Protein backbone atom coordinates (compact mmCIF):
# COMPACT_ATOMS: atom_id res chain seq x y z
CA MET A 1 -25.76 19.20 -15.11
CA SER A 2 -23.86 21.91 -13.20
CA PHE A 3 -20.13 21.78 -12.62
CA ALA A 4 -20.57 22.43 -8.89
CA THR A 5 -23.05 19.57 -8.48
CA VAL A 6 -20.75 17.11 -10.24
CA THR A 7 -17.73 18.32 -8.26
CA LEU A 8 -19.46 17.83 -4.91
CA ASP A 9 -20.74 14.40 -5.93
CA LEU A 10 -17.32 13.25 -7.12
CA LEU A 11 -15.63 14.70 -4.05
CA GLU A 12 -17.98 12.75 -1.82
CA SER A 13 -17.16 9.58 -3.75
CA PHE A 14 -13.43 10.34 -3.66
CA LEU A 15 -13.65 10.25 0.14
CA GLN A 16 -14.27 6.52 -0.28
CA ASN A 17 -11.00 6.26 -2.21
CA GLY A 18 -9.35 8.15 0.63
CA LEU A 19 -10.84 5.75 3.16
CA VAL A 20 -9.45 2.74 1.27
CA PHE A 21 -6.08 4.50 1.03
CA ILE A 22 -5.81 5.27 4.76
CA LEU A 23 -7.06 1.89 5.98
CA THR A 24 -4.72 0.08 3.59
CA LEU A 25 -1.71 1.96 4.95
CA LEU A 26 -2.78 1.35 8.56
CA GLY A 27 -3.01 -2.38 7.90
CA ALA A 28 -0.29 -3.00 5.31
CA ILE A 29 2.60 -1.03 6.83
CA PRO A 30 2.80 -3.05 10.08
CA LEU A 31 1.79 -6.34 8.43
CA GLY A 32 4.50 -5.84 5.83
CA LEU A 33 7.09 -5.61 8.61
CA VAL A 34 5.84 -8.86 10.14
CA ILE A 35 6.07 -10.55 6.73
CA THR A 36 9.61 -9.20 6.35
CA PHE A 37 10.70 -10.86 9.57
CA GLY A 38 9.16 -14.10 8.31
CA SER A 39 10.96 -13.94 4.96
CA MET A 40 14.26 -13.24 6.75
CA SER A 41 13.73 -15.93 9.37
CA LYS A 42 16.47 -18.50 9.88
CA PHE A 43 13.73 -21.12 10.28
CA LYS A 44 13.69 -22.35 6.68
CA PRO A 45 10.12 -23.75 6.50
CA LEU A 46 8.74 -20.39 7.67
CA GLN A 47 11.04 -18.49 5.32
CA TYR A 48 9.98 -20.58 2.29
CA LEU A 49 6.30 -20.34 3.22
CA VAL A 50 6.41 -16.54 3.54
CA LYS A 51 8.45 -16.11 0.36
CA THR A 52 5.96 -18.27 -1.55
CA TYR A 53 3.10 -16.16 -0.21
CA VAL A 54 4.84 -12.95 -1.30
CA TRP A 55 5.60 -14.45 -4.73
CA ILE A 56 1.95 -15.39 -5.29
CA ILE A 57 0.57 -12.03 -4.13
CA ARG A 58 3.08 -9.98 -6.15
CA GLY A 59 2.69 -12.24 -9.17
CA THR A 60 -1.09 -11.99 -9.52
CA PRO A 61 -3.20 -8.92 -10.36
CA LEU A 62 -4.83 -6.96 -7.55
CA MET A 63 -8.06 -7.05 -9.58
CA LEU A 64 -8.04 -10.85 -9.46
CA GLN A 65 -7.37 -10.78 -5.73
CA LEU A 66 -10.40 -8.51 -5.26
CA PHE A 67 -12.59 -11.02 -7.09
CA VAL A 68 -11.19 -13.91 -5.03
CA VAL A 69 -11.79 -12.19 -1.69
CA MET A 70 -15.26 -11.00 -2.68
CA TYR A 71 -16.67 -14.13 -4.30
CA VAL A 72 -14.71 -17.24 -3.28
CA PRO A 73 -15.96 -17.35 0.36
CA GLY A 74 -19.57 -17.45 -0.88
CA LEU A 75 -19.07 -19.78 -3.82
CA VAL A 76 -16.71 -22.27 -2.14
CA PHE A 77 -17.48 -22.08 1.57
CA ASP A 78 -21.08 -20.82 1.45
CA MET A 79 -20.04 -17.81 3.53
CA PRO A 80 -20.73 -14.78 1.30
CA MET A 81 -18.85 -11.58 2.02
CA GLN A 82 -21.26 -9.22 3.77
CA SER A 83 -19.43 -5.95 3.11
CA ARG A 84 -17.78 -4.74 -0.08
CA LEU A 85 -15.56 -2.43 1.95
CA THR A 86 -14.35 -5.40 4.01
CA ALA A 87 -13.52 -7.32 0.84
CA VAL A 88 -11.68 -4.32 -0.60
CA MET A 89 -9.66 -3.84 2.57
CA ILE A 90 -8.67 -7.51 2.88
CA ALA A 91 -7.47 -7.61 -0.73
CA PHE A 92 -5.65 -4.28 -0.59
CA ILE A 93 -3.94 -4.94 2.75
CA ILE A 94 -2.80 -8.42 1.68
CA ASN A 95 -1.52 -7.06 -1.63
CA TYR A 96 0.33 -4.01 -0.37
CA SER A 97 1.78 -5.72 2.71
CA ALA A 98 3.59 -8.10 0.34
CA TYR A 99 5.08 -5.21 -1.64
CA PHE A 100 5.99 -3.26 1.49
CA SER A 101 7.68 -6.34 2.97
CA GLU A 102 10.06 -6.53 0.02
CA ILE A 103 10.90 -2.85 0.40
CA TYR A 104 11.61 -3.36 4.10
CA ARG A 105 13.73 -6.42 3.39
CA GLY A 106 15.76 -4.59 0.76
CA GLY A 107 16.36 -1.70 3.14
CA ILE A 108 17.46 -3.91 6.01
CA GLU A 109 19.72 -6.07 3.85
CA SER A 110 21.34 -2.98 2.31
CA ILE A 111 22.99 -2.09 5.62
CA PRO A 112 26.60 -3.37 5.65
CA LYS A 113 27.17 -6.23 8.10
CA GLY A 114 30.19 -4.36 9.39
CA GLN A 115 27.88 -1.93 11.17
CA TYR A 116 26.27 -4.78 13.09
CA GLU A 117 29.69 -6.15 13.97
CA ALA A 118 30.92 -2.73 15.09
CA GLY A 119 27.92 -2.41 17.38
CA GLN A 120 28.64 -5.80 18.90
CA VAL A 121 32.27 -4.83 19.49
CA LEU A 122 31.02 -1.77 21.38
CA GLY A 123 28.95 -4.04 23.61
CA MET A 124 25.55 -3.10 22.18
CA THR A 125 22.69 -5.58 22.17
CA LYS A 126 20.96 -6.58 18.92
CA SER A 127 17.98 -4.36 19.71
CA GLN A 128 20.26 -1.40 20.50
CA ILE A 129 22.12 -1.90 17.23
CA PHE A 130 18.87 -2.01 15.28
CA PHE A 131 17.19 1.00 16.87
CA LYS A 132 20.26 3.22 17.37
CA VAL A 133 22.40 2.34 14.34
CA VAL A 134 20.37 0.62 11.65
CA LEU A 135 16.81 1.94 11.86
CA PHE A 136 17.33 5.50 10.61
CA GLN A 137 19.54 4.32 7.76
CA VAL A 138 16.81 1.87 6.72
CA ILE A 139 14.14 4.57 6.88
CA LYS A 140 16.24 6.89 4.72
CA ARG A 141 16.76 4.19 2.10
CA ILE A 142 13.15 2.99 1.91
CA VAL A 143 11.43 6.39 1.74
CA PRO A 144 11.73 6.71 -2.10
CA PRO A 145 10.40 3.20 -2.94
CA MET A 146 7.75 3.43 -0.22
CA GLY A 147 6.69 6.78 -1.63
CA ASN A 148 6.31 5.26 -5.09
CA GLU A 149 4.21 2.38 -3.77
CA ILE A 150 2.00 4.70 -1.74
CA ILE A 151 1.41 6.90 -4.77
CA THR A 152 0.53 3.77 -6.76
CA LEU A 153 -1.94 2.90 -4.00
CA VAL A 154 -3.77 6.19 -4.57
CA LYS A 155 -4.46 5.19 -8.17
CA ASP A 156 -5.14 1.55 -7.36
CA THR A 157 -8.05 2.53 -5.10
CA SER A 158 -10.04 2.96 -8.31
CA LEU A 159 -9.84 -0.81 -8.85
CA ALA A 160 -12.36 -1.24 -6.03
CA ARG A 161 -15.07 -0.47 -8.59
CA VAL A 162 -14.66 -3.97 -10.12
CA ILE A 163 -16.61 -5.40 -7.17
CA ALA A 164 -19.09 -2.49 -7.27
CA TYR A 165 -17.55 -0.49 -4.44
CA ALA A 166 -18.78 3.11 -4.69
CA GLU A 167 -15.55 4.99 -5.39
CA ILE A 168 -15.06 8.05 -7.61
CA ILE A 169 -14.79 6.42 -11.05
CA LYS A 170 -17.85 4.30 -10.43
CA ALA A 171 -19.68 7.51 -9.49
CA ALA A 172 -18.49 9.18 -12.70
CA GLU A 173 -19.80 6.28 -14.76
CA ARG A 174 -23.32 7.22 -13.70
CA TYR A 175 -22.90 10.48 -15.58
CA THR A 176 -21.51 8.63 -18.60
CA ALA A 177 -24.69 6.57 -18.70
CA MET A 178 -26.61 9.87 -18.74
CA GLY A 179 -24.63 11.08 -21.75
CA TYR A 180 -22.00 13.20 -19.96
CA ILE A 181 -18.43 12.04 -20.62
CA TRP A 182 -16.51 14.92 -19.04
CA PRO A 183 -17.10 13.87 -15.38
CA LEU A 184 -15.19 10.64 -16.11
CA PHE A 185 -12.12 12.58 -17.23
CA TYR A 186 -12.65 15.11 -14.44
CA THR A 187 -11.93 12.34 -11.89
CA GLY A 188 -8.29 12.56 -12.97
CA VAL A 189 -8.05 15.99 -11.35
CA PHE A 190 -8.85 14.53 -7.93
CA PHE A 191 -6.13 11.90 -8.29
CA LEU A 192 -3.61 14.43 -9.59
CA VAL A 193 -4.18 16.77 -6.65
CA PHE A 194 -3.86 13.94 -4.12
CA VAL A 195 -0.75 12.53 -5.79
CA GLY A 196 0.74 16.02 -6.04
CA ALA A 197 0.29 16.56 -2.31
CA LEU A 198 1.90 13.21 -1.52
CA THR A 199 4.81 13.96 -3.87
CA LEU A 200 5.49 17.21 -2.01
CA LEU A 201 5.22 15.39 1.32
CA PHE A 202 7.70 12.66 0.39
CA GLY A 203 10.04 15.23 -1.13
CA TRP A 204 9.99 17.11 2.19
CA ILE A 205 10.65 13.89 4.13
CA GLU A 206 13.61 13.03 1.89
CA ARG A 207 15.09 16.51 2.40
CA LYS A 208 14.69 16.14 6.16
CA LEU A 209 16.59 12.87 6.04
CA ASP A 210 19.40 14.25 3.85
CA TYR A 211 21.39 15.19 6.91
CA TYR A 212 21.94 11.50 7.52
CA LYS A 213 24.33 10.05 4.98
CA GLY A 214 23.97 6.43 6.06
């Protein structure tokens, strides 16, 4: 079994991890913001409902959520999930949107109320205060925790294998069955390179935002 052959095979499989990663971010980042507004709503029934949802999602394993999304529709409602990728994306987006929502909420609530009041004194509307005064301070404060969650997401994509989604570790297990153990450990290189690139990216973003001492 040549090194080049294994590398190309694993790289092809790692593209599936990358697909899960990108689609999760595209779905979870905006959904997390919507959930944040719900958890901060002054309408108490909505606030309690959203907070309960976040508590359940954050308090249960992503692996369990993958099983629920993949198998419960077929077993309970006789509507089996037709696509493993769809099941993976539903579970990942639901899971990460809950975590992102708490990061957003923490960032928004960390801004002193005096800044809102100062904006009102200057005659600014609520939207003007948010976009011109608050937004960039929130972004600066949430970049580190968001970066950590996004890096965690890279590694969590490997959990998709529990419902037989063809990601890199599942591909490496084929070689293990053939008596080759090293491809399984070799998968770590792909994750390390991806995480290293993201670490550099978030470090660059943080440096760019250093000018703003909000």
